[in-house]
Amino acid sequence: MFRVFSDEKRPRYVASIASALRSGGTTYLMCFSDRQAGDFGPRRVRQDEIRAAFSDRWTVESTTADGFDMNPLQGITRARARLAVLKRD
């Protein structure tokens, strides 16, 4: 759900995850990637946006290219995504 939050509301989203995860815990974030062509569909997320949002008391262990299976009725069968592994300090 990271993609649905505005830049201003992302700190609140990150804080809510932090409140549910003890120190040393890991969470996974998967979002639509800026590598996806076009502008139709959900907001695309850049790697630097993830790193910036999780810069305080988090370790970004990795961000890797991934994908989402889509509804073929919309003419798109796979969308580019970004998978982040985030560890709570």
PDB file of N, CA and C in Angstrom:
ATOM      1  N   MET A   1       0.809  -1.206   0.000  1.00  0.00           N
ATOM      2  CA  MET A   1       0.000   0.000   0.000  1.00  0.00           C
ATOM      3  C   MET A   1       0.855   1.274   0.000  1.00  0.00           C
ATOM      4  N   PHE A   2       2.155   1.132   0.043  1.00  0.00           N
ATOM      5  CA  PHE A   2       3.060   2.281   0.075  1.00  0.00           C
ATOM      6  C   PHE A   2       2.754   3.276  -1.038  1.00  0.00           C
ATOM      7  N   ARG A   3       2.418   2.776  -2.203  1.00  0.00           N
ATOM      8  CA  ARG A   3       2.197   3.622  -3.378  1.00  0.00           C
ATOM      9  C   ARG A   3       1.011   4.568  -3.233  1.00  0.00           C
ATOM     10  N   VAL A   4       0.034   4.230  -2.387  1.00  0.00           N
ATOM     11  CA  VAL A   4      -1.175   5.062  -2.308  1.00  0.00           C
ATOM     12  C   VAL A   4      -0.989   6.303  -1.437  1.00  0.00           C
ATOM     13  N   PHE A   5       0.067   6.328  -0.650  1.00  0.00           N
ATOM     14  CA  PHE A   5       0.286   7.457   0.252  1.00  0.00           C
ATOM     15  C   PHE A   5       1.071   8.570  -0.431  1.00  0.00           C
ATOM     16  N   SER A   6       0.648   9.789  -0.188  1.00  0.00           N
ATOM     17  CA  SER A   6       1.386  10.942  -0.707  1.00  0.00           C
ATOM     18  C   SER A   6       2.740  11.019   0.003  1.00  0.00           C
ATOM     19  N   ASP A   7       3.636  11.793  -0.554  1.00  0.00           N
ATOM     20  CA  ASP A   7       4.949  11.967   0.070  1.00  0.00           C
ATOM     21  C   ASP A   7       4.807  12.452   1.511  1.00  0.00           C
ATOM     22  N   GLU A   8       3.836  13.326   1.748  1.00  0.00           N
ATOM     23  CA  GLU A   8       3.635  13.901   3.090  1.00  0.00           C
ATOM     24  C   GLU A   8       3.094  12.869   4.079  1.00  0.00           C
ATOM     25  N   LYS A   9       2.356  11.876   3.587  1.00  0.00           N
ATOM     26  CA  LYS A   9       1.745  10.882   4.486  1.00  0.00           C
ATOM     27  C   LYS A   9       2.581   9.615   4.654  1.00  0.00           C
ATOM     28  N   ARG A  10       3.626   9.484   3.879  1.00  0.00           N
ATOM     29  CA  ARG A  10       4.455   8.284   3.991  1.00  0.00           C
ATOM     30  C   ARG A  10       5.107   8.118   5.361  1.00  0.00           C
ATOM     31  N   PRO A  11       5.580   9.189   6.019  1.00  0.00           N
ATOM     32  CA  PRO A  11       6.166   8.992   7.361  1.00  0.00           C
ATOM     33  C   PRO A  11       5.184   8.348   8.347  1.00  0.00           C
ATOM     34  N   ARG A  12       3.927   8.696   8.258  1.00  0.00           N
ATOM     35  CA  ARG A  12       2.916   8.096   9.148  1.00  0.00           C
ATOM     36  C   ARG A  12       2.759   6.600   8.842  1.00  0.00           C
ATOM     37  N   TYR A  13       2.777   6.247   7.563  1.00  0.00           N
ATOM     38  CA  TYR A  13       2.697   4.840   7.154  1.00  0.00           C
ATOM     39  C   TYR A  13       3.900   4.064   7.705  1.00  0.00           C
ATOM     40  N   VAL A  14       5.097   4.622   7.533  1.00  0.00           N
ATOM     41  CA  VAL A  14       6.317   3.969   8.019  1.00  0.00           C
ATOM     42  C   VAL A  14       6.268   3.829   9.536  1.00  0.00           C
ATOM     43  N   ALA A  15       5.799   4.853  10.233  1.00  0.00           N
ATOM     44  CA  ALA A  15       5.690   4.809  11.697  1.00  0.00           C
ATOM     45  C   ALA A  15       4.710   3.722  12.147  1.00  0.00           C
ATOM     46  N   SER A  16       3.643   3.536  11.395  1.00  0.00           N
ATOM     47  CA  SER A  16       2.665   2.507  11.785  1.00  0.00           C
ATOM     48  C   SER A  16       3.266   1.106  11.641  1.00  0.00           C
ATOM     49  N   ILE A  17       4.075   0.907  10.614  1.00  0.00           N
ATOM     50  CA  ILE A  17       4.761  -0.381  10.478  1.00  0.00           C
ATOM     51  C   ILE A  17       5.748  -0.559  11.623  1.00  0.00           C
ATOM     52  N   ALA A  18       6.491   0.494  11.936  1.00  0.00           N
ATOM     53  CA  ALA A  18       7.478   0.432  13.023  1.00  0.00           C
ATOM     54  C   ALA A  18       6.820   0.102  14.354  1.00  0.00           C
ATOM     55  N   SER A  19       5.615   0.615  14.578  1.00  0.00           N
ATOM     56  CA  SER A  19       4.940   0.358  15.857  1.00  0.00           C
ATOM     57  C   SER A  19       4.490  -1.099  15.993  1.00  0.00           C
ATOM     58  N   ALA A  20       4.346  -1.781  14.877  1.00  0.00           N
ATOM     59  CA  ALA A  20       3.906  -3.172  14.903  1.00  0.00           C
ATOM     60  C   ALA A  20       5.062  -4.169  14.814  1.00  0.00           C
ATOM     61  N   LEU A  21       6.263  -3.670  14.614  1.00  0.00           N
ATOM     62  CA  LEU A  21       7.414  -4.532  14.386  1.00  0.00           C
ATOM     63  C   LEU A  21       8.487  -4.243  15.417  1.00  0.00           C
ATOM     64  N   ARG A  22       8.891  -5.250  16.127  1.00  0.00           N
ATOM     65  CA  ARG A  22       9.937  -5.040  17.137  1.00  0.00           C
ATOM     66  C   ARG A  22      11.300  -4.836  16.492  1.00  0.00           C
ATOM     67  N   SER A  23      12.213  -4.282  17.264  1.00  0.00           N
ATOM     68  CA  SER A  23      13.582  -4.056  16.787  1.00  0.00           C
ATOM     69  C   SER A  23      14.169  -5.368  16.303  1.00  0.00           C
ATOM     70  N   GLY A  24      14.803  -5.320  15.141  1.00  0.00           N
ATOM     71  CA  GLY A  24      15.384  -6.514  14.549  1.00  0.00           C
ATOM     72  C   GLY A  24      14.438  -7.255  13.619  1.00  0.00           C
ATOM     73  N   GLY A  25      13.164  -6.846  13.623  1.00  0.00           N
ATOM     74  CA  GLY A  25      12.177  -7.493  12.764  1.00  0.00           C
ATOM     75  C   GLY A  25      12.314  -7.061  11.313  1.00  0.00           C
ATOM     76  N   THR A  26      11.791  -7.877  10.430  1.00  0.00           N
ATOM     77  CA  THR A  26      11.868  -7.623   8.994  1.00  0.00           C
ATOM     78  C   THR A  26      10.472  -7.498   8.405  1.00  0.00           C
ATOM     79  N   THR A  27      10.322  -6.560   7.485  1.00  0.00           N
ATOM     80  CA  THR A  27       9.084  -6.439   6.722  1.00  0.00           C
ATOM     81  C   THR A  27       9.446  -6.385   5.239  1.00  0.00           C
ATOM     82  N   TYR A  28       8.489  -6.747   4.427  1.00  0.00           N
ATOM     83  CA  TYR A  28       8.684  -6.775   2.978  1.00  0.00           C
ATOM     84  C   TYR A  28       7.693  -5.812   2.346  1.00  0.00           C
ATOM     85  N   LEU A  29       8.172  -5.058   1.398  1.00  0.00           N
ATOM     86  CA  LEU A  29       7.340  -4.080   0.717  1.00  0.00           C
ATOM     87  C   LEU A  29       7.438  -4.345  -0.782  1.00  0.00           C
ATOM     88  N   MET A  30       6.291  -4.521  -1.407  1.00  0.00           N
ATOM     89  CA  MET A  30       6.267  -4.702  -2.855  1.00  0.00           C
ATOM     90  C   MET A  30       5.374  -3.627  -3.443  1.00  0.00           C
ATOM     91  N   CYS A  31       5.884  -2.919  -4.423  1.00  0.00           N
ATOM     92  CA  CYS A  31       5.120  -1.824  -5.017  1.00  0.00           C
ATOM     93  C   CYS A  31       5.399  -1.734  -6.507  1.00  0.00           C
ATOM     94  N   PHE A  32       4.545  -1.031  -7.195  1.00  0.00           N
ATOM     95  CA  PHE A  32       4.740  -0.830  -8.624  1.00  0.00           C
ATOM     96  C   PHE A  32       6.016  -0.015  -8.841  1.00  0.00           C
ATOM     97  N   SER A  33       6.762  -0.379  -9.863  1.00  0.00           N
ATOM     98  CA  SER A  33       8.069   0.217 -10.119  1.00  0.00           C
ATOM     99  C   SER A  33       8.014   1.328 -11.151  1.00  0.00           C
ATOM    100  N   ASP A  34       8.911   2.267 -11.000  1.00  0.00           N
ATOM    101  CA  ASP A  34       9.067   3.332 -11.994  1.00  0.00           C
ATOM    102  C   ASP A  34       9.603   2.787 -13.317  1.00  0.00           C
ATOM    103  N   ARG A  35      10.004   1.538 -13.345  1.00  0.00           N
ATOM    104  CA  ARG A  35      10.480   0.910 -14.575  1.00  0.00           C
ATOM    105  C   ARG A  35       9.323   0.500 -15.496  1.00  0.00           C
ATOM    106  N   GLN A  36       8.098   0.567 -14.981  1.00  0.00           N
ATOM    107  CA  GLN A  36       6.922   0.227 -15.779  1.00  0.00           C
ATOM    108  C   GLN A  36       6.679   1.328 -16.805  1.00  0.00           C
ATOM    109  N   ALA A  37       6.555   0.946 -18.035  1.00  0.00           N
ATOM    110  CA  ALA A  37       6.316   1.916 -19.109  1.00  0.00           C
ATOM    111  C   ALA A  37       4.926   2.531 -19.003  1.00  0.00           C
ATOM    112  N   GLY A  38       4.779   3.729 -19.545  1.00  0.00           N
ATOM    113  CA  GLY A  38       3.481   4.392 -19.589  1.00  0.00           C
ATOM    114  C   GLY A  38       3.121   5.077 -18.291  1.00  0.00           C
ATOM    115  N   ASP A  39       1.915   5.621 -18.259  1.00  0.00           N
ATOM    116  CA  ASP A  39       1.466   6.301 -17.038  1.00  0.00           C
ATOM    117  C   ASP A  39       0.091   5.824 -16.589  1.00  0.00           C
ATOM    118  N   PHE A  40      -0.462   4.795 -17.254  1.00  0.00           N
ATOM    119  CA  PHE A  40      -1.738   4.231 -16.840  1.00  0.00           C
ATOM    120  C   PHE A  40      -1.534   3.379 -15.596  1.00  0.00           C
ATOM    121  N   GLY A  41      -2.444   3.466 -14.659  1.00  0.00           N
ATOM    122  CA  GLY A  41      -2.396   2.598 -13.488  1.00  0.00           C
ATOM    123  C   GLY A  41      -1.843   3.284 -12.260  1.00  0.00           C
ATOM    124  N   PRO A  42      -1.440   2.476 -11.288  1.00  0.00           N
ATOM    125  CA  PRO A  42      -0.997   2.993  -9.991  1.00  0.00           C
ATOM    126  C   PRO A  42       0.282   3.822 -10.070  1.00  0.00           C
ATOM    127  N   ARG A  43       0.469   4.621  -9.043  1.00  0.00           N
ATOM    128  CA  ARG A  43       1.685   5.420  -8.910  1.00  0.00           C
ATOM    129  C   ARG A  43       2.885   4.486  -8.891  1.00  0.00           C
ATOM    130  N   ARG A  44       3.891   4.845  -9.651  1.00  0.00           N
ATOM    131  CA  ARG A  44       5.129   4.080  -9.676  1.00  0.00           C
ATOM    132  C   ARG A  44       6.068   4.612  -8.592  1.00  0.00           C
ATOM    133  N   VAL A  45       6.867   3.722  -8.026  1.00  0.00           N
ATOM    134  CA  VAL A  45       7.756   4.083  -6.927  1.00  0.00           C
ATOM    135  C   VAL A  45       9.200   3.857  -7.347  1.00  0.00           C
ATOM    136  N   ARG A  46      10.026   4.846  -7.070  1.00  0.00           N
ATOM    137  CA  ARG A  46      11.465   4.756  -7.348  1.00  0.00           C
ATOM    138  C   ARG A  46      12.186   4.161  -6.133  1.00  0.00           C
ATOM    139  N   GLN A  47      13.308   3.558  -6.387  1.00  0.00           N
ATOM    140  CA  GLN A  47      14.126   2.983  -5.313  1.00  0.00           C
ATOM    141  C   GLN A  47      14.509   4.046  -4.287  1.00  0.00           C
ATOM    142  N   ASP A  48      14.870   5.245  -4.745  1.00  0.00           N
ATOM    143  CA  ASP A  48      15.285   6.289  -3.802  1.00  0.00           C
ATOM    144  C   ASP A  48      14.131   6.745  -2.912  1.00  0.00           C
ATOM    145  N   GLU A  49      12.893   6.615  -3.362  1.00  0.00           N
ATOM    146  CA  GLU A  49      11.747   6.957  -2.512  1.00  0.00           C
ATOM    147  C   GLU A  49      11.628   5.977  -1.344  1.00  0.00           C
ATOM    148  N   ILE A  50      11.854   4.707  -1.619  1.00  0.00           N
ATOM    149  CA  ILE A  50      11.814   3.698  -0.550  1.00  0.00           C
ATOM    150  C   ILE A  50      12.933   3.963   0.442  1.00  0.00           C
ATOM    151  N   ARG A  51      14.129   4.177  -0.074  1.00  0.00           N
ATOM    152  CA  ARG A  51      15.279   4.425   0.806  1.00  0.00           C
ATOM    153  C   ARG A  51      15.075   5.676   1.664  1.00  0.00           C
ATOM    154  N   ALA A  52      14.502   6.717   1.092  1.00  0.00           N
ATOM    155  CA  ALA A  52      14.258   7.946   1.848  1.00  0.00           C
ATOM    156  C   ALA A  52      13.200   7.733   2.931  1.00  0.00           C
ATOM    157  N   ALA A  53      12.137   7.046   2.581  1.00  0.00           N
ATOM    158  CA  ALA A  53      11.046   6.834   3.546  1.00  0.00           C
ATOM    159  C   ALA A  53      11.498   5.973   4.725  1.00  0.00           C
ATOM    160  N   PHE A  54      12.391   5.035   4.466  1.00  0.00           N
ATOM    161  CA  PHE A  54      12.843   4.116   5.510  1.00  0.00           C
ATOM    162  C   PHE A  54      14.285   4.415   5.937  1.00  0.00           C
ATOM    163  N   SER A  55      14.636   5.689   5.983  1.00  0.00           N
ATOM    164  CA  SER A  55      16.016   6.075   6.325  1.00  0.00           C
ATOM    165  C   SER A  55      16.252   6.223   7.825  1.00  0.00           C
ATOM    166  N   ASP A  56      15.204   6.427   8.602  1.00  0.00           N
ATOM    167  CA  ASP A  56      15.351   6.675  10.034  1.00  0.00           C
ATOM    168  C   ASP A  56      14.998   5.422  10.837  1.00  0.00           C
ATOM    169  N   ARG A  57      15.999   4.790  11.440  1.00  0.00           N
ATOM    170  CA  ARG A  57      15.847   3.600  12.280  1.00  0.00           C
ATOM    171  C   ARG A  57      15.421   2.360  11.502  1.00  0.00           C
ATOM    172  N   TRP A  58      15.773   2.326  10.219  1.00  0.00           N
ATOM    173  CA  TRP A  58      15.540   1.163   9.375  1.00  0.00           C
ATOM    174  C   TRP A  58      16.816   0.876   8.591  1.00  0.00           C
ATOM    175  N   THR A  59      17.002  -0.370   8.226  1.00  0.00           N
ATOM    176  CA  THR A  59      18.040  -0.752   7.286  1.00  0.00           C
ATOM    177  C   THR A  59      17.343  -1.306   6.054  1.00  0.00           C
ATOM    178  N   VAL A  60      17.631  -0.712   4.912  1.00  0.00           N
ATOM    179  CA  VAL A  60      17.096  -1.240   3.659  1.00  0.00           C
ATOM    180  C   VAL A  60      18.070  -2.329   3.216  1.00  0.00           C
ATOM    181  N   GLU A  61      17.699  -3.569   3.462  1.00  0.00           N
ATOM    182  CA  GLU A  61      18.602  -4.672   3.154  1.00  0.00           C
ATOM    183  C   GLU A  61      18.713  -4.909   1.660  1.00  0.00           C
ATOM    184  N   SER A  62      17.624  -4.694   0.936  1.00  0.00           N
ATOM    185  CA  SER A  62      17.694  -4.839  -0.520  1.00  0.00           C
ATOM    186  C   SER A  62      16.460  -4.239  -1.173  1.00  0.00           C
ATOM    187  N   THR A  63      16.614  -3.854  -2.411  1.00  0.00           N
ATOM    188  CA  THR A  63      15.489  -3.528  -3.286  1.00  0.00           C
ATOM    189  C   THR A  63      15.794  -4.204  -4.611  1.00  0.00           C
ATOM    190  N   THR A  64      14.910  -5.060  -5.047  1.00  0.00           N
ATOM    191  CA  THR A  64      15.142  -5.826  -6.262  1.00  0.00           C
ATOM    192  C   THR A  64      13.971  -5.692  -7.222  1.00  0.00           C
ATOM    193  N   ALA A  65      14.266  -5.890  -8.482  1.00  0.00           N
ATOM    194  CA  ALA A  65      13.225  -5.878  -9.505  1.00  0.00           C
ATOM    195  C   ALA A  65      12.370  -7.134  -9.346  1.00  0.00           C
ATOM    196  N   ASP A  66      11.074  -6.965  -9.522  1.00  0.00           N
ATOM    197  CA  ASP A  66      10.137  -8.077  -9.411  1.00  0.00           C
ATOM    198  C   ASP A  66       8.971  -7.782 -10.333  1.00  0.00           C
ATOM    199  N   GLY A  67       7.858  -8.450 -10.144  1.00  0.00           N
ATOM    200  CA  GLY A  67       6.706  -8.198 -10.989  1.00  0.00           C
ATOM    201  C   GLY A  67       5.406  -8.627 -10.337  1.00  0.00           C
ATOM    202  N   PHE A  68       4.316  -8.103 -10.857  1.00  0.00           N
ATOM    203  CA  PHE A  68       2.964  -8.461 -10.447  1.00  0.00           C
ATOM    204  C   PHE A  68       2.278  -9.145 -11.617  1.00  0.00           C
ATOM    205  N   ASP A  69       1.555 -10.213 -11.361  1.00  0.00           N
ATOM    206  CA  ASP A  69       0.673 -10.770 -12.376  1.00  0.00           C
ATOM    207  C   ASP A  69      -0.569  -9.907 -12.417  1.00  0.00           C
ATOM    208  N   MET A  70      -0.995  -9.591 -13.617  1.00  0.00           N
ATOM    209  CA  MET A  70      -2.123  -8.676 -13.792  1.00  0.00           C
ATOM    210  C   MET A  70      -3.312  -9.397 -14.414  1.00  0.00           C
ATOM    211  N   ASN A  71      -4.406  -8.678 -14.506  1.00  0.00           N
ATOM    212  CA  ASN A  71      -5.625  -9.183 -15.126  1.00  0.00           C
ATOM    213  C   ASN A  71      -5.475  -9.135 -16.647  1.00  0.00           C
ATOM    214  N   PRO A  72      -5.449 -10.279 -17.301  1.00  0.00           N
ATOM    215  CA  PRO A  72      -5.248 -10.271 -18.757  1.00  0.00           C
ATOM    216  C   PRO A  72      -6.400  -9.606 -19.514  1.00  0.00           C
ATOM    217  N   LEU A  73      -7.550  -9.453 -18.885  1.00  0.00           N
ATOM    218  CA  LEU A  73      -8.671  -8.778 -19.535  1.00  0.00           C
ATOM    219  C   LEU A  73      -8.374  -7.305 -19.778  1.00  0.00           C
ATOM    220  N   GLN A  74      -7.425  -6.751 -19.026  1.00  0.00           N
ATOM    221  CA  GLN A  74      -7.018  -5.357 -19.216  1.00  0.00           C
ATOM    222  C   GLN A  74      -5.910  -5.238 -20.262  1.00  0.00           C
ATOM    223  N   GLY A  75      -5.472  -6.352 -20.805  1.00  0.00           N
ATOM    224  CA  GLY A  75      -4.435  -6.326 -21.830  1.00  0.00           C
ATOM    225  C   GLY A  75      -3.023  -6.305 -21.286  1.00  0.00           C
ATOM    226  N   ILE A  76      -2.863  -6.344 -19.979  1.00  0.00           N
ATOM    227  CA  ILE A  76      -1.539  -6.357 -19.341  1.00  0.00           C
ATOM    228  C   ILE A  76      -1.459  -7.634 -18.524  1.00  0.00           C
ATOM    229  N   THR A  77      -0.451  -8.449 -18.769  1.00  0.00           N
ATOM    230  CA  THR A  77      -0.345  -9.690 -18.019  1.00  0.00           C
ATOM    231  C   THR A  77       0.709  -9.641 -16.919  1.00  0.00           C
ATOM    232  N   ARG A  78       1.623  -8.702 -17.014  1.00  0.00           N
ATOM    233  CA  ARG A  78       2.687  -8.581 -16.006  1.00  0.00           C
ATOM    234  C   ARG A  78       3.090  -7.120 -15.884  1.00  0.00           C
ATOM    235  N   ALA A  79       3.193  -6.657 -14.659  1.00  0.00           N
ATOM    236  CA  ALA A  79       3.632  -5.285 -14.400  1.00  0.00           C
ATOM    237  C   ALA A  79       4.947  -5.334 -13.638  1.00  0.00           C
ATOM    238  N   ARG A  80       5.805  -4.389 -13.914  1.00  0.00           N
ATOM    239  CA  ARG A  80       7.088  -4.319 -13.203  1.00  0.00           C
ATOM    240  C   ARG A  80       6.866  -3.802 -11.787  1.00  0.00           C
ATOM    241  N   ALA A  81       7.590  -4.396 -10.868  1.00  0.00           N
ATOM    242  CA  ALA A  81       7.454  -4.040  -9.456  1.00  0.00           C
ATOM    243  C   ALA A  81       8.829  -3.949  -8.819  1.00  0.00           C
ATOM    244  N   ARG A  82       8.834  -3.493  -7.579  1.00  0.00           N
ATOM    245  CA  ARG A  82      10.045  -3.390  -6.782  1.00  0.00           C
ATOM    246  C   ARG A  82       9.742  -4.061  -5.445  1.00  0.00           C
ATOM    247  N   LEU A  83      10.626  -4.964  -5.028  1.00  0.00           N
ATOM    248  CA  LEU A  83      10.493  -5.654  -3.747  1.00  0.00           C
ATOM    249  C   LEU A  83      11.599  -5.168  -2.830  1.00  0.00           C
ATOM    250  N   ALA A  84      11.216  -4.653  -1.676  1.00  0.00           N
ATOM    251  CA  ALA A  84      12.187  -4.155  -0.701  1.00  0.00           C
ATOM    252  C   ALA A  84      12.139  -5.022   0.557  1.00  0.00           C
ATOM    253  N   VAL A  85      13.299  -5.339   1.077  1.00  0.00           N
ATOM    254  CA  VAL A  85      13.434  -6.037   2.356  1.00  0.00           C
ATOM    255  C   VAL A  85      13.941  -5.007   3.347  1.00  0.00           C
ATOM    256  N   LEU A  86      13.150  -4.757   4.390  1.00  0.00           N
ATOM    257  CA  LEU A  86      13.410  -3.666   5.334  1.00  0.00           C
ATOM    258  C   LEU A  86      13.527  -4.230   6.748  1.00  0.00           C
ATOM    259  N   LYS A  87      14.619  -3.886   7.422  1.00  0.00           N
ATOM    260  CA  LYS A  87      14.843  -4.392   8.784  1.00  0.00           C
ATOM    261  C   LYS A  87      14.749  -3.226   9.764  1.00  0.00           C
ATOM    262  N   ARG A  88      13.998  -3.429  10.812  1.00  0.00           N
ATOM    263  CA  ARG A  88      13.820  -2.419  11.870  1.00  0.00           C
ATOM    264  C   ARG A  88      15.041  -2.404  12.761  1.00  0.00           C
ATOM    265  N   ASP A  89      15.691  -1.262  12.903  1.00  0.00           N
ATOM    266  CA  ASP A  89      16.873  -1.138  13.767  1.00  0.00           C
ATOM    267  C   ASP A  89      16.473  -1.163  15.232  1.00  0.00           C
TER     268      ASP A  89
END
